Amino acid sequence: MKDSFNDLTYNELVEKREELSKKYLDLRISNVMGHVENPLERRILKRKIARLNTIVHEYALGIRKSK
């Protein structure tokens, strides 16, 4: 599977989302400056953040239960 976020707890998911959001912001700034080694990394990070947002939202709706 792509990234297995299913085995993480709710708090770990929120922390991971914050970490990836900061990394995405740094990558965007680097891209503007023109110092990016892998330009596709932005798209990959954006999709990972979207997956995490979906899982966190499922916890909020009660679709997923805490382990």
C-alpha atoms as a PDB file:
ATOM      1  CA  MET A   1       0.000   0.000   0.000  1.00  0.00           C
ATOM      2  CA  LYS A   2       1.080   3.607  -0.440  1.00  0.00           C
ATOM      3  CA  ASP A   3       1.521   4.785   3.143  1.00  0.00           C
ATOM      4  CA  SER A   4       0.012   2.821   5.936  1.00  0.00           C
ATOM      5  CA  PHE A   5      -1.557   5.414   8.191  1.00  0.00           C
ATOM      6  CA  ASN A   6      -4.235   2.988   9.346  1.00  0.00           C
ATOM      7  CA  ASP A   7      -2.188   1.619  12.224  1.00  0.00           C
ATOM      8  CA  LEU A   8      -1.519   5.057  13.772  1.00  0.00           C
ATOM      9  CA  THR A   9      -3.514   6.446  16.671  1.00  0.00           C
ATOM     10  CA  TYR A  10      -5.504   9.663  16.394  1.00  0.00           C
ATOM     11  CA  ASN A  11      -2.830  11.764  18.133  1.00  0.00           C
ATOM     12  CA  GLU A  12      -0.086  10.296  15.951  1.00  0.00           C
ATOM     13  CA  LEU A  13      -2.145  11.097  12.857  1.00  0.00           C
ATOM     14  CA  VAL A  14      -2.548  14.724  13.897  1.00  0.00           C
ATOM     15  CA  GLU A  15       1.185  15.028  14.641  1.00  0.00           C
ATOM     16  CA  LYS A  16       2.089  13.436  11.305  1.00  0.00           C
ATOM     17  CA  ARG A  17      -0.267  15.814   9.497  1.00  0.00           C
ATOM     18  CA  GLU A  18       1.360  18.834  11.139  1.00  0.00           C
ATOM     19  CA  GLU A  19       4.821  17.514  10.298  1.00  0.00           C
ATOM     20  CA  LEU A  20       3.939  16.948   6.645  1.00  0.00           C
ATOM     21  CA  SER A  21       2.241  20.348   6.410  1.00  0.00           C
ATOM     22  CA  LYS A  22       5.416  22.070   7.618  1.00  0.00           C
ATOM     23  CA  LYS A  23       7.499  20.030   5.197  1.00  0.00           C
ATOM     24  CA  TYR A  24       5.115  20.963   2.366  1.00  0.00           C
ATOM     25  CA  LEU A  25       5.403  24.665   3.224  1.00  0.00           C
ATOM     26  CA  ASP A  26       9.211  24.452   3.227  1.00  0.00           C
ATOM     27  CA  LEU A  27       9.113  22.677  -0.113  1.00  0.00           C
ATOM     28  CA  ARG A  28       6.845  25.352  -1.594  1.00  0.00           C
ATOM     29  CA  ILE A  29       9.219  28.072  -0.457  1.00  0.00           C
ATOM     30  CA  SER A  30      12.192  26.170  -1.872  1.00  0.00           C
ATOM     31  CA  ASN A  31      10.338  25.746  -5.140  1.00  0.00           C
ATOM     32  CA  VAL A  32       9.840  29.493  -5.441  1.00  0.00           C
ATOM     33  CA  MET A  33      13.533  30.047  -4.760  1.00  0.00           C
ATOM     34  CA  GLY A  34      14.392  27.437  -7.394  1.00  0.00           C
ATOM     35  CA  HIS A  35      16.306  24.966  -5.207  1.00  0.00           C
ATOM     36  CA  VAL A  36      14.151  21.845  -5.484  1.00  0.00           C
ATOM     37  CA  GLU A  37      15.735  18.487  -6.291  1.00  0.00           C
ATOM     38  CA  ASN A  38      12.480  16.600  -6.845  1.00  0.00           C
ATOM     39  CA  PRO A  39       9.605  18.819  -8.050  1.00  0.00           C
ATOM     40  CA  LEU A  40       7.143  15.910  -7.846  1.00  0.00           C
ATOM     41  CA  GLU A  41       7.638  15.765  -4.082  1.00  0.00           C
ATOM     42  CA  ARG A  42       5.076  18.581  -3.681  1.00  0.00           C
ATOM     43  CA  ARG A  43       2.372  16.474  -5.286  1.00  0.00           C
ATOM     44  CA  ILE A  44       3.291  13.438  -3.206  1.00  0.00           C
ATOM     45  CA  LEU A  45       3.203  15.427   0.046  1.00  0.00           C
ATOM     46  CA  LYS A  46      -0.085  17.044  -0.890  1.00  0.00           C
ATOM     47  CA  ARG A  47      -1.680  13.635  -1.421  1.00  0.00           C
ATOM     48  CA  LYS A  48      -0.300  12.265   1.858  1.00  0.00           C
ATOM     49  CA  ILE A  49      -1.743  15.263   3.699  1.00  0.00           C
ATOM     50  CA  ALA A  50      -5.094  14.669   2.005  1.00  0.00           C
ATOM     51  CA  ARG A  51      -5.062  11.006   3.107  1.00  0.00           C
ATOM     52  CA  LEU A  52      -4.321  12.052   6.668  1.00  0.00           C
ATOM     53  CA  ASN A  53      -7.061  14.681   6.591  1.00  0.00           C
ATOM     54  CA  THR A  54      -9.523  12.039   5.433  1.00  0.00           C
ATOM     55  CA  ILE A  55      -8.618   9.642   8.227  1.00  0.00           C
ATOM     56  CA  VAL A  56      -8.737  12.388  10.887  1.00  0.00           C
ATOM     57  CA  HIS A  57     -12.141  13.489   9.573  1.00  0.00           C
ATOM     58  CA  GLU A  58     -13.400   9.898   9.757  1.00  0.00           C
ATOM     59  CA  TYR A  59     -12.472   9.867  13.451  1.00  0.00           C
ATOM     60  CA  ALA A  60     -14.377  13.132  13.925  1.00  0.00           C
ATOM     61  CA  LEU A  61     -17.473  11.708  12.215  1.00  0.00           C
ATOM     62  CA  GLY A  62     -17.294   8.486  14.209  1.00  0.00           C
ATOM     63  CA  ILE A  63     -16.692   6.267  11.194  1.00  0.00           C
ATOM     64  CA  ARG A  64     -13.403   5.113  12.680  1.00  0.00           C
ATOM     65  CA  LYS A  65     -13.143   4.169  16.318  1.00  0.00           C
ATOM     66  CA  SER A  66     -10.130   4.639  18.582  1.00  0.00           C
ATOM     67  CA  LYS A  67      -8.119   1.493  19.076  1.00  0.00           C
END
